[in-house]
Amino acid sequence: MRPFYLLLAILGYLGPNLLMFLESYENKNILLWTKPDETIAGLFANRISTIFAMDLLFAVLVFFIWAFFESKRLGMKRYWLYVLLTMLFGLAGTFPLFLWAREKYLKH
């Protein structure tokens, strides 16, 4: 499963982040963090985007909690790195990257 998780991580980082880099370049909103008011306004622009945003934010929260306890249980190092990667580049790439790293610890 490790190669599959790694492929998913690469695709999960490439897909959304290509669009994010375009948005960052066009609007000078680096990684969508330097103009938080614009980022939040876009994120919650209408009911449909709000639904997706709330769903994603809840999924991120669940991932952070689960990954924290799973990291502790398996003795995985650098949990904070997955939080940082999620905050910078999103969940789509970081979640499979965590699963990829986790597989190594499950084999021990």
N, C-alpha and C. Protein backbone atom coordinates (compact mmCIF):
# COMPACT_ATOMS: atom_id res chain seq x y z
N MET A 1 0.82 -1.21 0.00
CA MET A 1 0.00 0.00 0.00
C MET A 1 0.85 1.27 0.00
N ARG A 2 2.08 1.16 0.48
CA ARG A 2 2.91 2.37 0.58
C ARG A 2 3.07 3.09 -0.75
N PRO A 3 3.39 2.40 -1.84
CA PRO A 3 3.52 3.12 -3.12
C PRO A 3 2.22 3.80 -3.54
N PHE A 4 1.10 3.16 -3.27
CA PHE A 4 -0.20 3.74 -3.61
C PHE A 4 -0.45 5.01 -2.79
N TYR A 5 -0.16 4.96 -1.49
CA TYR A 5 -0.32 6.15 -0.65
C TYR A 5 0.59 7.29 -1.12
N LEU A 6 1.80 6.93 -1.52
CA LEU A 6 2.72 7.96 -2.01
C LEU A 6 2.20 8.59 -3.30
N LEU A 7 1.66 7.78 -4.19
CA LEU A 7 1.06 8.31 -5.42
C LEU A 7 -0.12 9.23 -5.10
N LEU A 8 -0.96 8.82 -4.16
CA LEU A 8 -2.09 9.67 -3.75
C LEU A 8 -1.60 10.98 -3.14
N ALA A 9 -0.54 10.92 -2.36
CA ALA A 9 0.02 12.14 -1.76
C ALA A 9 0.50 13.10 -2.84
N ILE A 10 1.21 12.57 -3.82
CA ILE A 10 1.72 13.42 -4.91
C ILE A 10 0.56 14.06 -5.66
N LEU A 11 -0.44 13.25 -6.01
CA LEU A 11 -1.61 13.79 -6.72
C LEU A 11 -2.37 14.77 -5.84
N GLY A 12 -2.48 14.46 -4.55
CA GLY A 12 -3.19 15.33 -3.61
C GLY A 12 -2.51 16.67 -3.41
N TYR A 13 -1.19 16.70 -3.53
CA TYR A 13 -0.48 17.97 -3.44
C TYR A 13 -0.52 18.72 -4.77
N LEU A 14 -0.36 18.01 -5.87
CA LEU A 14 -0.29 18.67 -7.18
C LEU A 14 -1.60 19.32 -7.59
N GLY A 15 -2.69 18.56 -7.54
CA GLY A 15 -3.97 19.05 -8.02
C GLY A 15 -4.40 20.38 -7.40
N PRO A 16 -4.71 20.37 -6.12
CA PRO A 16 -5.17 21.61 -5.50
C PRO A 16 -4.12 22.72 -5.46
N ASN A 17 -2.85 22.34 -5.28
CA ASN A 17 -1.83 23.36 -5.10
C ASN A 17 -1.42 24.06 -6.38
N LEU A 18 -1.61 23.43 -7.52
CA LEU A 18 -1.39 24.16 -8.78
C LEU A 18 -2.35 25.34 -8.86
N LEU A 19 -3.60 25.10 -8.51
CA LEU A 19 -4.58 26.18 -8.51
C LEU A 19 -4.26 27.21 -7.42
N MET A 20 -3.80 26.73 -6.26
CA MET A 20 -3.47 27.66 -5.19
C MET A 20 -2.29 28.55 -5.57
N PHE A 21 -1.29 27.98 -6.24
CA PHE A 21 -0.15 28.79 -6.67
C PHE A 21 -0.56 29.82 -7.71
N LEU A 22 -1.46 29.45 -8.61
CA LEU A 22 -1.98 30.43 -9.57
C LEU A 22 -2.71 31.57 -8.86
N GLU A 23 -3.54 31.20 -7.90
CA GLU A 23 -4.27 32.21 -7.12
C GLU A 23 -3.31 33.08 -6.33
N SER A 24 -2.30 32.46 -5.73
CA SER A 24 -1.30 33.21 -4.98
C SER A 24 -0.58 34.22 -5.86
N TYR A 25 -0.22 33.79 -7.06
CA TYR A 25 0.51 34.66 -7.98
C TYR A 25 -0.38 35.81 -8.49
N GLU A 26 -1.58 35.48 -8.90
CA GLU A 26 -2.47 36.50 -9.47
C GLU A 26 -2.91 37.53 -8.45
N ASN A 27 -3.15 37.13 -7.22
CA ASN A 27 -3.70 38.04 -6.21
C ASN A 27 -2.72 38.40 -5.11
N LYS A 28 -1.46 37.96 -5.24
CA LYS A 28 -0.42 38.25 -4.23
C LYS A 28 -0.85 37.83 -2.83
N ASN A 29 -1.58 36.72 -2.76
CA ASN A 29 -2.05 36.17 -1.50
C ASN A 29 -1.30 34.85 -1.30
N ILE A 30 -0.07 34.96 -0.82
CA ILE A 30 0.86 33.84 -0.76
C ILE A 30 0.29 32.69 0.08
N LEU A 31 0.14 31.52 -0.56
CA LEU A 31 -0.42 30.32 0.04
C LEU A 31 -1.77 30.59 0.72
N LEU A 32 -2.44 31.64 0.27
CA LEU A 32 -3.75 32.06 0.77
C LEU A 32 -3.70 32.52 2.23
N TRP A 33 -2.50 32.86 2.74
CA TRP A 33 -2.33 33.27 4.13
C TRP A 33 -2.08 34.77 4.29
N THR A 34 -1.55 35.44 3.27
CA THR A 34 -1.15 36.83 3.47
C THR A 34 -2.32 37.82 3.39
N LYS A 35 -3.43 37.37 2.88
CA LYS A 35 -4.65 38.20 2.86
C LYS A 35 -5.80 37.35 3.41
N PRO A 36 -5.78 37.12 4.72
CA PRO A 36 -6.78 36.21 5.29
C PRO A 36 -8.22 36.67 5.09
N ASP A 37 -8.45 37.98 5.06
CA ASP A 37 -9.82 38.46 4.85
C ASP A 37 -10.34 38.06 3.47
N GLU A 38 -9.49 38.13 2.45
CA GLU A 38 -9.90 37.72 1.11
C GLU A 38 -10.07 36.20 1.03
N THR A 39 -9.19 35.47 1.68
CA THR A 39 -9.29 34.01 1.68
C THR A 39 -10.60 33.57 2.32
N ILE A 40 -10.92 34.12 3.48
CA ILE A 40 -12.15 33.75 4.19
C ILE A 40 -13.38 34.17 3.40
N ALA A 41 -13.33 35.36 2.80
CA ALA A 41 -14.46 35.83 1.98
C ALA A 41 -14.70 34.88 0.81
N GLY A 42 -13.63 34.41 0.17
CA GLY A 42 -13.78 33.47 -0.93
C GLY A 42 -14.24 32.11 -0.47
N LEU A 43 -13.74 31.68 0.67
CA LEU A 43 -14.07 30.38 1.21
C LEU A 43 -15.55 30.28 1.57
N PHE A 44 -16.09 31.38 2.09
CA PHE A 44 -17.49 31.41 2.52
C PHE A 44 -18.32 32.35 1.62
N ALA A 45 -18.01 32.37 0.33
CA ALA A 45 -18.66 33.29 -0.61
C ALA A 45 -20.14 33.01 -0.81
N ASN A 46 -20.52 31.76 -0.75
CA ASN A 46 -21.93 31.40 -0.92
C ASN A 46 -22.20 30.12 -0.14
N ARG A 47 -23.43 29.68 -0.16
CA ARG A 47 -23.81 28.52 0.64
C ARG A 47 -23.07 27.25 0.20
N ILE A 48 -22.88 27.06 -1.08
CA ILE A 48 -22.21 25.85 -1.57
C ILE A 48 -20.75 25.83 -1.14
N SER A 49 -20.04 26.94 -1.31
CA SER A 49 -18.64 26.95 -0.88
C SER A 49 -18.54 26.83 0.64
N THR A 50 -19.52 27.37 1.36
CA THR A 50 -19.53 27.24 2.82
C THR A 50 -19.71 25.79 3.24
N ILE A 51 -20.57 25.06 2.55
CA ILE A 51 -20.77 23.64 2.85
C ILE A 51 -19.46 22.88 2.67
N PHE A 52 -18.79 23.10 1.54
CA PHE A 52 -17.53 22.40 1.30
C PHE A 52 -16.46 22.83 2.31
N ALA A 53 -16.41 24.11 2.63
CA ALA A 53 -15.42 24.61 3.58
C ALA A 53 -15.63 24.00 4.97
N MET A 54 -16.87 23.98 5.43
CA MET A 54 -17.16 23.42 6.75
C MET A 54 -16.85 21.93 6.79
N ASP A 55 -17.18 21.23 5.73
CA ASP A 55 -16.89 19.80 5.66
C ASP A 55 -15.38 19.56 5.72
N LEU A 56 -14.63 20.32 4.94
CA LEU A 56 -13.18 20.17 4.92
C LEU A 56 -12.57 20.54 6.27
N LEU A 57 -13.01 21.63 6.86
CA LEU A 57 -12.46 22.05 8.15
C LEU A 57 -12.72 21.00 9.23
N PHE A 58 -13.89 20.39 9.20
CA PHE A 58 -14.17 19.33 10.17
C PHE A 58 -13.29 18.11 9.90
N ALA A 59 -13.11 17.75 8.63
CA ALA A 59 -12.25 16.62 8.28
C ALA A 59 -10.81 16.88 8.73
N VAL A 60 -10.34 18.10 8.58
CA VAL A 60 -8.99 18.46 9.04
C VAL A 60 -8.88 18.30 10.55
N LEU A 61 -9.88 18.76 11.27
CA LEU A 61 -9.88 18.62 12.73
C LEU A 61 -9.82 17.15 13.13
N VAL A 62 -10.64 16.32 12.50
CA VAL A 62 -10.65 14.89 12.79
C VAL A 62 -9.29 14.27 12.46
N PHE A 63 -8.71 14.67 11.32
CA PHE A 63 -7.39 14.16 10.95
C PHE A 63 -6.34 14.53 12.00
N PHE A 64 -6.34 15.78 12.45
CA PHE A 64 -5.37 16.22 13.45
C PHE A 64 -5.49 15.39 14.73
N ILE A 65 -6.70 15.16 15.19
CA ILE A 65 -6.92 14.39 16.42
C ILE A 65 -6.48 12.94 16.22
N TRP A 66 -6.94 12.32 15.12
CA TRP A 66 -6.60 10.93 14.87
C TRP A 66 -5.09 10.76 14.67
N ALA A 67 -4.48 11.62 13.87
CA ALA A 67 -3.05 11.52 13.59
C ALA A 67 -2.23 11.72 14.86
N PHE A 68 -2.68 12.60 15.75
CA PHE A 68 -1.97 12.81 17.01
C PHE A 68 -1.92 11.52 17.81
N PHE A 69 -3.09 10.91 18.03
CA PHE A 69 -3.14 9.70 18.84
C PHE A 69 -2.49 8.51 18.13
N GLU A 70 -2.65 8.43 16.81
CA GLU A 70 -2.02 7.34 16.06
C GLU A 70 -0.49 7.48 16.09
N SER A 71 0.00 8.70 15.99
CA SER A 71 1.44 8.94 16.08
C SER A 71 1.99 8.50 17.43
N LYS A 72 1.26 8.85 18.48
CA LYS A 72 1.69 8.45 19.83
C LYS A 72 1.66 6.93 19.97
N ARG A 73 0.59 6.32 19.51
CA ARG A 73 0.42 4.87 19.65
C ARG A 73 1.52 4.10 18.94
N LEU A 74 1.91 4.58 17.75
CA LEU A 74 2.91 3.86 16.95
C LEU A 74 4.33 4.36 17.19
N GLY A 75 4.49 5.42 17.97
CA GLY A 75 5.83 5.97 18.20
C GLY A 75 6.37 6.73 17.01
N MET A 76 5.48 7.28 16.20
CA MET A 76 5.91 8.06 15.04
C MET A 76 6.45 9.41 15.50
N LYS A 77 7.48 9.86 14.84
CA LYS A 77 8.10 11.14 15.17
C LYS A 77 7.51 12.24 14.28
N ARG A 78 7.68 13.47 14.70
CA ARG A 78 7.37 14.67 13.92
C ARG A 78 5.89 14.79 13.53
N TYR A 79 4.99 14.55 14.45
CA TYR A 79 3.56 14.77 14.21
C TYR A 79 3.30 16.19 13.74
N TRP A 80 4.02 17.13 14.33
CA TRP A 80 3.83 18.54 14.02
C TRP A 80 4.04 18.83 12.53
N LEU A 81 4.87 18.05 11.86
CA LEU A 81 5.12 18.25 10.44
C LEU A 81 3.86 18.05 9.61
N TYR A 82 3.04 17.09 9.98
CA TYR A 82 1.79 16.84 9.26
C TYR A 82 0.78 17.97 9.49
N VAL A 83 0.79 18.54 10.68
CA VAL A 83 -0.06 19.70 10.94
C VAL A 83 0.40 20.87 10.07
N LEU A 84 1.71 21.11 10.05
CA LEU A 84 2.25 22.21 9.25
C LEU A 84 1.95 22.02 7.77
N LEU A 85 2.20 20.83 7.24
CA LEU A 85 1.92 20.57 5.83
C LEU A 85 0.45 20.74 5.49
N THR A 86 -0.43 20.33 6.41
CA THR A 86 -1.86 20.51 6.19
C THR A 86 -2.21 21.99 6.16
N MET A 87 -1.66 22.75 7.08
CA MET A 87 -1.97 24.19 7.13
C MET A 87 -1.41 24.93 5.92
N LEU A 88 -0.29 24.49 5.39
CA LEU A 88 0.32 25.16 4.24
C LEU A 88 -0.23 24.68 2.90
N PHE A 89 -0.42 23.36 2.76
CA PHE A 89 -0.73 22.80 1.45
C PHE A 89 -2.00 21.98 1.39
N GLY A 90 -2.68 21.80 2.51
CA GLY A 90 -3.97 21.12 2.50
C GLY A 90 -3.92 19.66 2.92
N LEU A 91 -5.11 19.13 3.08
CA LEU A 91 -5.31 17.76 3.57
C LEU A 91 -5.15 16.72 2.46
N ALA A 92 -5.45 17.07 1.22
CA ALA A 92 -5.49 16.10 0.13
C ALA A 92 -4.15 15.40 -0.08
N GLY A 93 -3.06 16.08 0.15
CA GLY A 93 -1.75 15.45 0.01
C GLY A 93 -1.20 14.95 1.33
N THR A 94 -1.50 15.67 2.40
CA THR A 94 -0.91 15.34 3.70
C THR A 94 -1.50 14.07 4.30
N PHE A 95 -2.79 13.85 4.13
CA PHE A 95 -3.41 12.65 4.70
C PHE A 95 -2.80 11.37 4.10
N PRO A 96 -2.71 11.24 2.76
CA PRO A 96 -2.05 10.04 2.25
C PRO A 96 -0.56 9.98 2.58
N LEU A 97 0.09 11.13 2.73
CA LEU A 97 1.49 11.13 3.14
C LEU A 97 1.62 10.56 4.56
N PHE A 98 0.71 10.94 5.44
CA PHE A 98 0.70 10.38 6.80
C PHE A 98 0.47 8.87 6.75
N LEU A 99 -0.48 8.43 5.92
CA LEU A 99 -0.74 6.99 5.79
C LEU A 99 0.48 6.26 5.26
N TRP A 100 1.19 6.89 4.32
CA TRP A 100 2.43 6.31 3.78
C TRP A 100 3.46 6.12 4.89
N ALA A 101 3.65 7.16 5.71
CA ALA A 101 4.62 7.07 6.82
C ALA A 101 4.15 6.07 7.87
N ARG A 102 2.87 6.03 8.13
CA ARG A 102 2.30 5.14 9.13
C ARG A 102 2.52 3.67 8.79
N GLU A 103 2.44 3.34 7.51
CA GLU A 103 2.63 1.95 7.08
C GLU A 103 4.00 1.39 7.54
N LYS A 104 5.01 2.24 7.54
CA LYS A 104 6.34 1.82 7.98
C LYS A 104 6.31 1.39 9.44
N TYR A 105 5.57 2.13 10.27
CA TYR A 105 5.50 1.83 11.69
C TYR A 105 4.61 0.64 11.99
N LEU A 106 3.64 0.38 11.13
CA LEU A 106 2.75 -0.76 11.33
C LEU A 106 3.45 -2.09 11.10
N LYS A 107 4.52 -2.08 10.31
CA LYS A 107 5.24 -3.31 9.99
C LYS A 107 6.17 -3.74 11.12
N HIS A 108 6.43 -2.86 12.08
CA HIS A 108 7.34 -3.20 13.20
C HIS A 108 6.64 -3.95 14.28
